[in-house]
Amino acid sequence: MEDVMTRPSEKNNRKILMLIMGLPLILMLLSYTLIYLIEDKKLDLVSVLGTKTIGILVKPLKPIVALHLSGENGLPFDFSQQSHKWTLLVLNSPSCGERCANNLIQSRQMHIAMGKEQSKMRRYQLYLDAQLEPSQLARMKEENPQVVTVYSQLKTLKNLLADQDIADWNDIAYLLVDKRGWIMMFYNEAANERDIMKKDLHHLFKYAQ
């Protein structure tokens, strides 16, 4: 009689033990599935998290390689060979003048204010439709020693983001590129740098590893 009564209990214990042993495997499979969906751009992590961003999300994401960048030396710039970091592209051009110069200053202050998270992001100056003279580039380097200048054409940028319903291209101050080289967000001139830092960047650094 005792053996008969203990059998259901043993079966239940065995089921519980198998469930406990299988749980890590299930979680691991779910994690790999989530990573695959995010990397394959089939899942928008920012939208899933439900965050209210300051920047305007680029949907679908655009590859930065499509900008056909060149570097400070005039040679093609291979973004894929750079270290994997979030990248803030500060837009500039010969016609932008003081406004873009101020954006570059504001981006530096924002970067400094990020404190211990500074190392998670870098800043590039995206200069459109021209190249800086050596003296201009040297002066920019003195004022912004950590900024790398890359070059492209406004026409190329417009073609890449043609489906994003951008009314005024002169109003775009920054582009945000994720660690894998996808342009995921852009910021209008009116966006507050403090809000960009607190509401967008800190959130992305925390959840979008």
N, C-alpha and C. Protein backbone atom coordinates (compact mmCIF):
# COMPACT_ATOMS: atom_id res chain seq x y z
N MET A 1 0.82 -1.20 0.00
CA MET A 1 0.00 0.00 0.00
C MET A 1 0.86 1.26 0.00
N GLU A 2 1.94 1.26 0.80
CA GLU A 2 2.82 2.41 0.87
C GLU A 2 3.49 2.68 -0.47
N ASP A 3 3.90 1.59 -1.18
CA ASP A 3 4.55 1.76 -2.47
C ASP A 3 3.61 2.41 -3.47
N VAL A 4 2.34 1.99 -3.44
CA VAL A 4 1.35 2.54 -4.37
C VAL A 4 1.13 4.01 -4.10
N MET A 5 1.11 4.39 -2.82
CA MET A 5 0.86 5.78 -2.45
C MET A 5 2.04 6.68 -2.77
N THR A 6 3.24 6.15 -2.74
CA THR A 6 4.42 6.99 -2.96
C THR A 6 4.73 7.18 -4.43
N ARG A 7 4.18 6.33 -5.31
CA ARG A 7 4.49 6.44 -6.73
C ARG A 7 4.08 7.79 -7.34
N PRO A 8 2.82 8.26 -7.11
CA PRO A 8 2.46 9.57 -7.67
C PRO A 8 3.37 10.68 -7.20
N SER A 9 3.77 10.62 -5.94
CA SER A 9 4.65 11.66 -5.40
C SER A 9 6.01 11.63 -6.08
N GLU A 10 6.53 10.43 -6.32
CA GLU A 10 7.81 10.30 -6.98
C GLU A 10 7.73 10.81 -8.42
N LYS A 11 6.61 10.52 -9.09
CA LYS A 11 6.44 11.00 -10.46
C LYS A 11 6.39 12.53 -10.50
N ASN A 12 5.69 13.10 -9.53
CA ASN A 12 5.60 14.56 -9.48
C ASN A 12 6.96 15.19 -9.22
N ASN A 13 7.71 14.56 -8.31
CA ASN A 13 9.05 15.07 -8.01
C ASN A 13 9.96 14.99 -9.22
N ARG A 14 9.80 13.90 -9.99
CA ARG A 14 10.60 13.72 -11.18
C ARG A 14 10.26 14.78 -12.23
N LYS A 15 8.97 15.07 -12.37
CA LYS A 15 8.55 16.11 -13.31
C LYS A 15 9.08 17.48 -12.92
N ILE A 16 9.02 17.77 -11.62
CA ILE A 16 9.52 19.06 -11.13
C ILE A 16 11.02 19.17 -11.36
N LEU A 17 11.75 18.07 -11.10
CA LEU A 17 13.20 18.06 -11.30
C LEU A 17 13.55 18.27 -12.77
N MET A 18 12.81 17.60 -13.67
CA MET A 18 13.06 17.76 -15.10
C MET A 18 12.76 19.18 -15.56
N LEU A 19 11.71 19.78 -14.98
CA LEU A 19 11.38 21.16 -15.33
C LEU A 19 12.47 22.12 -14.89
N ILE A 20 12.98 21.90 -13.69
CA ILE A 20 14.05 22.76 -13.17
C ILE A 20 15.30 22.62 -14.01
N MET A 21 15.63 21.39 -14.40
CA MET A 21 16.82 21.16 -15.21
C MET A 21 16.66 21.72 -16.63
N GLY A 22 15.43 21.70 -17.14
CA GLY A 22 15.20 22.17 -18.50
C GLY A 22 15.02 23.67 -18.62
N LEU A 23 14.73 24.34 -17.52
CA LEU A 23 14.46 25.78 -17.56
C LEU A 23 15.63 26.60 -18.10
N PRO A 24 16.89 26.33 -17.65
CA PRO A 24 18.01 27.09 -18.23
C PRO A 24 18.14 26.92 -19.74
N LEU A 25 17.86 25.69 -20.23
CA LEU A 25 17.93 25.45 -21.67
C LEU A 25 16.86 26.26 -22.41
N ILE A 26 15.65 26.30 -21.84
CA ILE A 26 14.57 27.07 -22.45
C ILE A 26 14.92 28.55 -22.50
N LEU A 27 15.45 29.08 -21.39
CA LEU A 27 15.84 30.49 -21.34
C LEU A 27 16.95 30.80 -22.33
N MET A 28 17.90 29.85 -22.47
CA MET A 28 19.00 30.05 -23.40
C MET A 28 18.48 30.10 -24.84
N LEU A 29 17.55 29.20 -25.17
CA LEU A 29 16.97 29.19 -26.52
C LEU A 29 16.20 30.48 -26.79
N LEU A 30 15.46 30.96 -25.80
CA LEU A 30 14.73 32.22 -25.96
C LEU A 30 15.68 33.39 -26.17
N SER A 31 16.81 33.37 -25.43
CA SER A 31 17.79 34.45 -25.55
C SER A 31 18.41 34.48 -26.95
N TYR A 32 18.79 33.28 -27.45
CA TYR A 32 19.37 33.21 -28.78
C TYR A 32 18.37 33.63 -29.85
N THR A 33 17.09 33.26 -29.65
CA THR A 33 16.05 33.67 -30.60
C THR A 33 15.90 35.18 -30.62
N LEU A 34 15.91 35.80 -29.43
CA LEU A 34 15.78 37.25 -29.33
C LEU A 34 16.96 37.95 -29.99
N ILE A 35 18.17 37.45 -29.75
CA ILE A 35 19.36 38.04 -30.35
C ILE A 35 19.29 37.94 -31.87
N TYR A 36 18.86 36.77 -32.38
CA TYR A 36 18.75 36.58 -33.83
C TYR A 36 17.76 37.56 -34.43
N LEU A 37 16.61 37.71 -33.80
CA LEU A 37 15.57 38.60 -34.33
C LEU A 37 16.04 40.04 -34.35
N ILE A 38 16.77 40.46 -33.31
CA ILE A 38 17.25 41.84 -33.24
C ILE A 38 18.33 42.07 -34.29
N GLU A 39 19.30 41.15 -34.38
CA GLU A 39 20.40 41.33 -35.32
C GLU A 39 19.93 41.25 -36.77
N ASP A 40 18.88 40.45 -37.01
CA ASP A 40 18.36 40.31 -38.36
C ASP A 40 17.33 41.39 -38.69
N LYS A 41 17.19 42.35 -37.74
CA LYS A 41 16.28 43.49 -37.90
C LYS A 41 14.82 43.06 -38.07
N LYS A 42 14.47 41.88 -37.50
CA LYS A 42 13.08 41.45 -37.54
C LYS A 42 12.34 41.86 -36.28
N LEU A 43 13.07 42.41 -35.32
CA LEU A 43 12.46 42.86 -34.08
C LEU A 43 13.03 44.22 -33.72
N ASP A 44 12.15 45.19 -33.51
CA ASP A 44 12.55 46.54 -33.13
C ASP A 44 12.57 46.62 -31.61
N LEU A 45 13.74 46.47 -31.02
CA LEU A 45 13.85 46.42 -29.57
C LEU A 45 13.34 47.69 -28.93
N VAL A 46 13.64 48.85 -29.54
CA VAL A 46 13.22 50.12 -28.95
C VAL A 46 11.70 50.19 -28.87
N SER A 47 11.01 49.74 -29.94
CA SER A 47 9.56 49.77 -29.95
C SER A 47 8.98 48.79 -28.93
N VAL A 48 9.62 47.61 -28.82
CA VAL A 48 9.15 46.61 -27.87
C VAL A 48 9.24 47.15 -26.44
N LEU A 49 10.31 47.87 -26.15
CA LEU A 49 10.48 48.43 -24.82
C LEU A 49 9.50 49.56 -24.55
N GLY A 50 8.93 50.12 -25.58
CA GLY A 50 7.91 51.14 -25.40
C GLY A 50 8.45 52.48 -24.97
N THR A 51 9.70 52.76 -25.23
CA THR A 51 10.27 54.02 -24.79
C THR A 51 9.79 55.17 -25.68
N LYS A 52 9.61 56.32 -25.08
CA LYS A 52 9.27 57.54 -25.83
C LYS A 52 10.58 58.26 -26.14
N THR A 53 11.01 58.16 -27.36
CA THR A 53 12.30 58.70 -27.73
C THR A 53 12.22 60.17 -28.07
N ILE A 54 13.34 60.86 -27.86
CA ILE A 54 13.47 62.25 -28.28
C ILE A 54 13.75 62.31 -29.77
N GLY A 55 14.60 61.37 -30.23
CA GLY A 55 14.89 61.29 -31.65
C GLY A 55 13.76 60.62 -32.41
N ILE A 56 13.83 60.71 -33.73
CA ILE A 56 12.83 60.11 -34.61
C ILE A 56 13.39 58.81 -35.15
N LEU A 57 12.70 57.71 -34.88
CA LEU A 57 13.18 56.40 -35.27
C LEU A 57 13.19 56.24 -36.78
N VAL A 58 14.26 55.66 -37.29
CA VAL A 58 14.38 55.36 -38.72
C VAL A 58 13.81 53.97 -38.95
N LYS A 59 12.75 53.89 -39.74
CA LYS A 59 12.10 52.60 -40.01
C LYS A 59 11.90 52.44 -41.50
N PRO A 60 12.51 51.41 -42.11
CA PRO A 60 13.44 50.46 -41.49
C PRO A 60 14.81 51.09 -41.28
N LEU A 61 15.62 50.41 -40.47
CA LEU A 61 16.98 50.89 -40.23
C LEU A 61 17.77 50.93 -41.53
N LYS A 62 18.73 51.87 -41.59
CA LYS A 62 19.52 52.04 -42.81
C LYS A 62 21.00 51.78 -42.52
N PRO A 63 21.69 51.08 -43.43
CA PRO A 63 23.12 50.80 -43.20
C PRO A 63 23.97 52.03 -43.49
N ILE A 64 24.87 52.34 -42.58
CA ILE A 64 25.71 53.51 -42.78
C ILE A 64 26.66 53.33 -43.96
N VAL A 65 26.94 52.10 -44.33
CA VAL A 65 27.83 51.86 -45.48
C VAL A 65 27.23 52.42 -46.76
N ALA A 66 25.90 52.59 -46.79
CA ALA A 66 25.24 53.13 -47.98
C ALA A 66 25.54 54.61 -48.19
N LEU A 67 26.16 55.26 -47.21
CA LEU A 67 26.56 56.66 -47.38
C LEU A 67 27.87 56.80 -48.15
N HIS A 68 28.56 55.68 -48.37
CA HIS A 68 29.82 55.68 -49.12
C HIS A 68 30.78 56.73 -48.55
N LEU A 69 31.09 56.56 -47.30
CA LEU A 69 31.92 57.53 -46.58
C LEU A 69 33.36 57.52 -47.06
N SER A 70 33.98 58.68 -46.99
CA SER A 70 35.44 58.78 -47.12
C SER A 70 35.98 59.40 -45.84
N GLY A 71 37.24 59.12 -45.56
CA GLY A 71 37.83 59.58 -44.31
C GLY A 71 38.59 60.88 -44.45
N GLU A 72 39.25 61.26 -43.39
CA GLU A 72 39.99 62.52 -43.37
C GLU A 72 41.13 62.53 -44.39
N ASN A 73 41.60 61.35 -44.76
CA ASN A 73 42.68 61.25 -45.75
C ASN A 73 42.15 61.17 -47.18
N GLY A 74 40.83 61.25 -47.34
CA GLY A 74 40.23 61.20 -48.67
C GLY A 74 39.97 59.81 -49.21
N LEU A 75 40.42 58.80 -48.49
CA LEU A 75 40.23 57.41 -48.92
C LEU A 75 38.89 56.87 -48.40
N PRO A 76 38.36 55.81 -49.01
CA PRO A 76 37.11 55.22 -48.52
C PRO A 76 37.23 54.85 -47.04
N PHE A 77 36.19 55.15 -46.29
CA PHE A 77 36.17 54.92 -44.85
C PHE A 77 35.35 53.67 -44.57
N ASP A 78 36.01 52.63 -44.06
CA ASP A 78 35.36 51.36 -43.78
C ASP A 78 34.83 51.35 -42.35
N PHE A 79 33.55 51.64 -42.20
CA PHE A 79 32.95 51.72 -40.87
C PHE A 79 33.00 50.38 -40.16
N SER A 80 32.92 49.29 -40.90
CA SER A 80 32.89 47.96 -40.29
C SER A 80 34.20 47.62 -39.58
N GLN A 81 35.27 48.32 -39.93
CA GLN A 81 36.57 48.06 -39.30
C GLN A 81 36.78 48.87 -38.02
N GLN A 82 35.82 49.73 -37.69
CA GLN A 82 35.94 50.52 -36.48
C GLN A 82 35.42 49.71 -35.29
N SER A 83 35.83 50.11 -34.09
CA SER A 83 35.37 49.41 -32.89
C SER A 83 33.86 49.54 -32.77
N HIS A 84 33.22 48.54 -32.20
CA HIS A 84 31.77 48.49 -32.11
C HIS A 84 31.29 49.39 -30.97
N LYS A 85 30.87 50.59 -31.34
CA LYS A 85 30.33 51.55 -30.38
C LYS A 85 29.13 52.25 -31.00
N TRP A 86 28.31 52.83 -30.13
CA TRP A 86 27.29 53.74 -30.62
C TRP A 86 27.99 54.97 -31.19
N THR A 87 27.47 55.48 -32.31
CA THR A 87 28.11 56.60 -32.98
C THR A 87 27.10 57.72 -33.20
N LEU A 88 27.46 58.91 -32.75
CA LEU A 88 26.64 60.10 -33.00
C LEU A 88 27.27 60.87 -34.14
N LEU A 89 26.55 60.95 -35.28
CA LEU A 89 27.03 61.70 -36.43
C LEU A 89 26.51 63.12 -36.33
N VAL A 90 27.42 64.07 -36.24
CA VAL A 90 27.06 65.49 -36.19
C VAL A 90 27.14 66.04 -37.61
N LEU A 91 26.02 66.44 -38.17
CA LEU A 91 26.00 66.89 -39.56
C LEU A 91 26.59 68.28 -39.71
N ASN A 92 27.30 68.48 -40.82
CA ASN A 92 27.89 69.78 -41.12
C ASN A 92 28.04 69.90 -42.63
N SER A 93 28.19 71.13 -43.10
CA SER A 93 28.38 71.39 -44.53
C SER A 93 28.88 72.82 -44.69
N PRO A 94 29.38 73.17 -45.86
CA PRO A 94 29.89 74.53 -46.07
C PRO A 94 28.83 75.60 -45.83
N SER A 95 27.56 75.29 -46.09
CA SER A 95 26.50 76.28 -45.95
C SER A 95 25.90 76.35 -44.55
N CYS A 96 26.29 75.43 -43.67
CA CYS A 96 25.67 75.35 -42.35
C CYS A 96 26.21 76.41 -41.40
N GLY A 97 27.52 76.59 -41.42
CA GLY A 97 28.14 77.66 -40.64
C GLY A 97 28.02 77.51 -39.14
N GLU A 98 27.64 78.61 -38.47
CA GLU A 98 27.67 78.69 -37.02
C GLU A 98 26.70 77.69 -36.37
N ARG A 99 25.60 77.43 -37.01
CA ARG A 99 24.60 76.53 -36.43
C ARG A 99 25.20 75.14 -36.22
N CYS A 100 25.87 74.60 -37.23
CA CYS A 100 26.46 73.27 -37.10
C CYS A 100 27.67 73.29 -36.16
N ALA A 101 28.39 74.42 -36.15
CA ALA A 101 29.52 74.55 -35.21
C ALA A 101 29.00 74.47 -33.77
N ASN A 102 27.85 75.09 -33.52
CA ASN A 102 27.25 75.04 -32.19
C ASN A 102 26.78 73.62 -31.86
N ASN A 103 26.25 72.92 -32.87
CA ASN A 103 25.83 71.53 -32.64
C ASN A 103 27.01 70.66 -32.23
N LEU A 104 28.15 70.90 -32.83
CA LEU A 104 29.34 70.14 -32.49
C LEU A 104 29.76 70.42 -31.05
N ILE A 105 29.67 71.68 -30.64
CA ILE A 105 29.98 72.05 -29.26
C ILE A 105 29.01 71.40 -28.29
N GLN A 106 27.72 71.45 -28.64
CA GLN A 106 26.70 70.85 -27.78
C GLN A 106 26.89 69.34 -27.66
N SER A 107 27.29 68.71 -28.74
CA SER A 107 27.52 67.26 -28.69
C SER A 107 28.69 66.93 -27.78
N ARG A 108 29.71 67.79 -27.76
CA ARG A 108 30.85 67.57 -26.88
C ARG A 108 30.43 67.69 -25.42
N GLN A 109 29.63 68.70 -25.11
CA GLN A 109 29.15 68.88 -23.74
C GLN A 109 28.28 67.71 -23.31
N MET A 110 27.44 67.25 -24.23
CA MET A 110 26.59 66.10 -23.94
C MET A 110 27.43 64.86 -23.68
N HIS A 111 28.47 64.66 -24.48
CA HIS A 111 29.33 63.50 -24.34
C HIS A 111 30.05 63.52 -23.00
N ILE A 112 30.56 64.68 -22.62
CA ILE A 112 31.25 64.81 -21.33
C ILE A 112 30.30 64.54 -20.18
N ALA A 113 29.07 65.04 -20.30
CA ALA A 113 28.09 64.89 -19.23
C ALA A 113 27.64 63.45 -19.02
N MET A 114 27.96 62.58 -19.96
CA MET A 114 27.57 61.18 -19.82
C MET A 114 28.40 60.44 -18.78
N GLY A 115 29.46 61.08 -18.30
CA GLY A 115 30.24 60.50 -17.22
C GLY A 115 30.86 59.17 -17.57
N LYS A 116 30.61 58.16 -16.74
CA LYS A 116 31.25 56.85 -16.91
C LYS A 116 30.78 56.12 -18.17
N GLU A 117 29.72 56.61 -18.78
CA GLU A 117 29.22 55.97 -20.00
C GLU A 117 29.81 56.60 -21.27
N GLN A 118 30.74 57.54 -21.13
CA GLN A 118 31.35 58.19 -22.28
C GLN A 118 31.94 57.19 -23.27
N SER A 119 32.55 56.15 -22.73
CA SER A 119 33.27 55.20 -23.58
C SER A 119 32.34 54.37 -24.46
N LYS A 120 31.04 54.39 -24.19
CA LYS A 120 30.09 53.60 -24.97
C LYS A 120 29.70 54.29 -26.28
N MET A 121 30.10 55.56 -26.43
CA MET A 121 29.72 56.29 -27.63
C MET A 121 30.91 57.09 -28.15
N ARG A 122 30.92 57.34 -29.45
CA ARG A 122 31.91 58.21 -30.07
C ARG A 122 31.16 59.20 -30.95
N ARG A 123 31.86 60.26 -31.35
CA ARG A 123 31.26 61.29 -32.20
C ARG A 123 32.05 61.41 -33.51
N TYR A 124 31.31 61.41 -34.60
CA TYR A 124 31.89 61.68 -35.91
C TYR A 124 31.23 62.95 -36.45
N GLN A 125 32.01 63.74 -37.16
CA GLN A 125 31.44 64.85 -37.90
C GLN A 125 31.19 64.37 -39.33
N LEU A 126 29.93 64.40 -39.75
CA LEU A 126 29.58 64.02 -41.12
C LEU A 126 29.51 65.29 -41.96
N TYR A 127 30.56 65.52 -42.74
CA TYR A 127 30.66 66.74 -43.53
C TYR A 127 30.18 66.44 -44.95
N LEU A 128 29.21 67.22 -45.42
CA LEU A 128 28.53 66.93 -46.68
C LEU A 128 28.92 67.90 -47.78
N ASP A 129 29.08 67.36 -48.98
CA ASP A 129 29.24 68.14 -50.22
C ASP A 129 30.55 68.92 -50.34
N ALA A 130 31.52 68.64 -49.52
CA ALA A 130 32.82 69.30 -49.62
C ALA A 130 33.78 68.61 -48.65
N GLN A 131 35.05 69.01 -48.73
CA GLN A 131 36.04 68.53 -47.77
C GLN A 131 36.68 69.73 -47.09
N LEU A 132 36.97 69.56 -45.83
CA LEU A 132 37.61 70.64 -45.07
C LEU A 132 39.04 70.85 -45.56
N GLU A 133 39.44 72.10 -45.59
CA GLU A 133 40.83 72.41 -45.87
C GLU A 133 41.69 71.92 -44.70
N PRO A 134 42.96 71.57 -44.95
CA PRO A 134 43.82 71.08 -43.87
C PRO A 134 43.83 71.99 -42.64
N SER A 135 43.84 73.32 -42.86
CA SER A 135 43.85 74.25 -41.74
C SER A 135 42.54 74.19 -40.96
N GLN A 136 41.42 74.02 -41.67
CA GLN A 136 40.12 73.90 -41.01
C GLN A 136 40.03 72.62 -40.20
N LEU A 137 40.51 71.54 -40.79
CA LEU A 137 40.49 70.25 -40.10
C LEU A 137 41.37 70.28 -38.86
N ALA A 138 42.54 70.92 -38.96
CA ALA A 138 43.45 71.02 -37.82
C ALA A 138 42.81 71.83 -36.69
N ARG A 139 42.13 72.92 -37.06
CA ARG A 139 41.47 73.74 -36.05
C ARG A 139 40.34 72.97 -35.37
N MET A 140 39.59 72.22 -36.16
CA MET A 140 38.52 71.41 -35.60
C MET A 140 39.07 70.37 -34.64
N LYS A 141 40.23 69.78 -35.00
CA LYS A 141 40.85 68.77 -34.15
C LYS A 141 41.32 69.36 -32.82
N GLU A 142 41.79 70.59 -32.86
CA GLU A 142 42.22 71.24 -31.63
C GLU A 142 41.05 71.44 -30.68
N GLU A 143 39.91 71.81 -31.23
CA GLU A 143 38.73 72.08 -30.41
C GLU A 143 37.97 70.81 -30.05
N ASN A 144 38.09 69.79 -30.90
CA ASN A 144 37.37 68.52 -30.67
C ASN A 144 38.30 67.35 -30.97
N PRO A 145 39.26 67.11 -30.10
CA PRO A 145 40.29 66.11 -30.40
C PRO A 145 39.77 64.69 -30.56
N GLN A 146 38.60 64.38 -30.02
CA GLN A 146 38.09 63.01 -30.11
C GLN A 146 37.17 62.80 -31.31
N VAL A 147 36.91 63.85 -32.08
CA VAL A 147 35.97 63.74 -33.20
C VAL A 147 36.70 63.35 -34.47
N VAL A 148 36.14 62.37 -35.18
CA VAL A 148 36.64 61.95 -36.48
C VAL A 148 35.73 62.55 -37.55
N THR A 149 36.31 63.12 -38.59
CA THR A 149 35.51 63.69 -39.68
C THR A 149 35.42 62.69 -40.83
N VAL A 150 34.19 62.46 -41.28
CA VAL A 150 33.95 61.62 -42.45
C VAL A 150 33.13 62.43 -43.45
N TYR A 151 33.25 62.07 -44.72
CA TYR A 151 32.63 62.85 -45.78
C TYR A 151 31.63 62.02 -46.58
N SER A 152 30.57 62.71 -47.03
CA SER A 152 29.60 62.11 -47.94
C SER A 152 28.91 63.24 -48.70
N GLN A 153 27.86 62.89 -49.43
CA GLN A 153 27.09 63.86 -50.20
C GLN A 153 25.67 63.96 -49.65
N LEU A 154 25.13 65.17 -49.63
CA LEU A 154 23.76 65.36 -49.16
C LEU A 154 22.79 64.56 -50.02
N LYS A 155 23.04 64.50 -51.31
CA LYS A 155 22.18 63.73 -52.21
C LYS A 155 22.14 62.26 -51.80
N THR A 156 23.29 61.72 -51.43
CA THR A 156 23.36 60.32 -51.01
C THR A 156 22.57 60.11 -49.73
N LEU A 157 22.70 61.05 -48.79
CA LEU A 157 21.97 60.96 -47.53
C LEU A 157 20.46 61.05 -47.78
N LYS A 158 20.06 61.97 -48.65
CA LYS A 158 18.64 62.13 -48.96
C LYS A 158 18.07 60.87 -49.60
N ASN A 159 18.83 60.27 -50.50
CA ASN A 159 18.37 59.04 -51.15
C ASN A 159 18.22 57.91 -50.13
N LEU A 160 19.14 57.84 -49.19
CA LEU A 160 19.11 56.77 -48.20
C LEU A 160 17.90 56.91 -47.27
N LEU A 161 17.57 58.15 -46.91
CA LEU A 161 16.48 58.40 -45.97
C LEU A 161 15.24 58.97 -46.66
N ALA A 162 15.09 58.67 -47.93
CA ALA A 162 13.99 59.25 -48.71
C ALA A 162 12.62 58.82 -48.20
N ASP A 163 12.55 57.66 -47.56
CA ASP A 163 11.26 57.15 -47.08
C ASP A 163 10.95 57.55 -45.64
N GLN A 164 11.71 58.51 -45.09
CA GLN A 164 11.53 58.89 -43.69
C GLN A 164 10.69 60.14 -43.48
N ASP A 165 10.16 60.71 -44.55
CA ASP A 165 9.27 61.87 -44.45
C ASP A 165 9.94 63.04 -43.72
N ILE A 166 11.13 63.41 -44.18
CA ILE A 166 11.86 64.54 -43.60
C ILE A 166 11.52 65.79 -44.40
N ALA A 167 10.85 66.73 -43.74
CA ALA A 167 10.37 67.93 -44.43
C ALA A 167 11.49 68.93 -44.70
N ASP A 168 12.37 69.13 -43.71
CA ASP A 168 13.42 70.13 -43.83
C ASP A 168 14.76 69.50 -43.48
N TRP A 169 15.57 69.25 -44.50
CA TRP A 169 16.88 68.62 -44.26
C TRP A 169 17.82 69.53 -43.51
N ASN A 170 17.62 70.82 -43.59
CA ASN A 170 18.47 71.75 -42.84
C ASN A 170 18.21 71.69 -41.34
N ASP A 171 17.12 71.02 -40.96
CA ASP A 171 16.75 70.94 -39.55
C ASP A 171 17.36 69.72 -38.87
N ILE A 172 18.00 68.83 -39.63
CA ILE A 172 18.58 67.62 -39.05
C ILE A 172 19.95 67.94 -38.46
N ALA A 173 20.10 67.69 -37.17
CA ALA A 173 21.35 68.00 -36.48
C ALA A 173 22.24 66.76 -36.29
N TYR A 174 21.63 65.62 -35.90
CA TYR A 174 22.40 64.42 -35.56
C TYR A 174 21.74 63.18 -36.15
N LEU A 175 22.59 62.18 -36.43
CA LEU A 175 22.14 60.83 -36.74
C LEU A 175 22.76 59.90 -35.70
N LEU A 176 21.99 58.94 -35.22
CA LEU A 176 22.51 57.97 -34.26
C LEU A 176 22.66 56.62 -34.93
N VAL A 177 23.86 56.05 -34.84
CA VAL A 177 24.18 54.77 -35.48
C VAL A 177 24.45 53.74 -34.39
N ASP A 178 23.84 52.57 -34.51
CA ASP A 178 24.07 51.56 -33.48
C ASP A 178 25.42 50.88 -33.67
N LYS A 179 25.74 49.96 -32.78
CA LYS A 179 27.07 49.36 -32.76
C LYS A 179 27.35 48.48 -33.97
N ARG A 180 26.31 48.09 -34.68
CA ARG A 180 26.49 47.23 -35.86
C ARG A 180 26.48 48.02 -37.16
N GLY A 181 26.39 49.36 -37.04
CA GLY A 181 26.47 50.18 -38.24
C GLY A 181 25.14 50.48 -38.91
N TRP A 182 24.05 50.46 -38.15
CA TRP A 182 22.74 50.78 -38.68
C TRP A 182 22.30 52.15 -38.17
N ILE A 183 21.90 53.02 -39.09
CA ILE A 183 21.35 54.33 -38.71
C ILE A 183 19.95 54.08 -38.16
N MET A 184 19.74 54.39 -36.88
CA MET A 184 18.48 54.03 -36.25
C MET A 184 17.64 55.21 -35.79
N MET A 185 18.22 56.42 -35.77
CA MET A 185 17.48 57.55 -35.26
C MET A 185 18.09 58.85 -35.78
N PHE A 186 17.26 59.88 -35.97
CA PHE A 186 17.80 61.20 -36.28
C PHE A 186 17.15 62.24 -35.38
N TYR A 187 17.86 63.34 -35.20
CA TYR A 187 17.44 64.38 -34.27
C TYR A 187 17.30 65.71 -34.99
N ASN A 188 16.19 66.37 -34.74
CA ASN A 188 15.98 67.70 -35.29
C ASN A 188 16.74 68.74 -34.49
N GLU A 189 16.88 69.90 -35.08
CA GLU A 189 17.62 70.99 -34.46
C GLU A 189 17.05 71.36 -33.09
N ALA A 190 15.75 71.21 -32.93
CA ALA A 190 15.10 71.64 -31.68
C ALA A 190 15.30 70.66 -30.52
N ALA A 191 15.83 69.47 -30.80
CA ALA A 191 16.01 68.47 -29.74
C ALA A 191 17.00 68.97 -28.69
N ASN A 192 16.62 68.84 -27.44
CA ASN A 192 17.47 69.26 -26.34
C ASN A 192 18.52 68.21 -26.04
N GLU A 193 19.79 68.61 -25.99
CA GLU A 193 20.89 67.65 -25.80
C GLU A 193 20.78 66.91 -24.47
N ARG A 194 20.30 67.60 -23.44
CA ARG A 194 20.15 66.94 -22.14
C ARG A 194 19.10 65.83 -22.22
N ASP A 195 18.02 66.10 -22.95
CA ASP A 195 16.99 65.08 -23.12
C ASP A 195 17.49 63.92 -23.97
N ILE A 196 18.27 64.23 -25.01
CA ILE A 196 18.86 63.17 -25.84
C ILE A 196 19.67 62.23 -24.97
N MET A 197 20.46 62.80 -24.10
CA MET A 197 21.35 62.01 -23.25
C MET A 197 20.56 61.18 -22.25
N LYS A 198 19.62 61.82 -21.54
CA LYS A 198 18.92 61.15 -20.45
C LYS A 198 17.85 60.19 -20.93
N LYS A 199 17.09 60.58 -21.97
CA LYS A 199 15.93 59.80 -22.36
C LYS A 199 16.20 58.81 -23.49
N ASP A 200 17.25 59.04 -24.26
CA ASP A 200 17.55 58.13 -25.37
C ASP A 200 18.81 57.32 -25.11
N LEU A 201 19.93 58.01 -24.95
CA LEU A 201 21.22 57.31 -24.89
C LEU A 201 21.34 56.42 -23.66
N HIS A 202 21.00 56.92 -22.48
CA HIS A 202 21.09 56.10 -21.28
C HIS A 202 20.18 54.87 -21.40
N HIS A 203 19.02 55.07 -21.98
CA HIS A 203 18.08 53.96 -22.14
C HIS A 203 18.63 52.91 -23.10
N LEU A 204 19.17 53.36 -24.22
CA LEU A 204 19.72 52.43 -25.21
C LEU A 204 20.93 51.68 -24.65
N PHE A 205 21.80 52.40 -23.94
CA PHE A 205 22.98 51.76 -23.37
C PHE A 205 22.58 50.68 -22.37
N LYS A 206 21.45 50.87 -21.71
CA LYS A 206 21.02 49.93 -20.68
C LYS A 206 20.38 48.68 -21.30
N TYR A 207 19.52 48.88 -22.32
CA TYR A 207 18.73 47.76 -22.82
C TYR A 207 19.23 47.17 -24.13
N ALA A 208 19.86 47.98 -24.96
CA ALA A 208 20.26 47.49 -26.29
C ALA A 208 21.74 47.14 -26.28
N GLN A 209 22.12 46.12 -25.57
CA GLN A 209 23.52 45.71 -25.50
C GLN A 209 23.90 45.00 -26.78
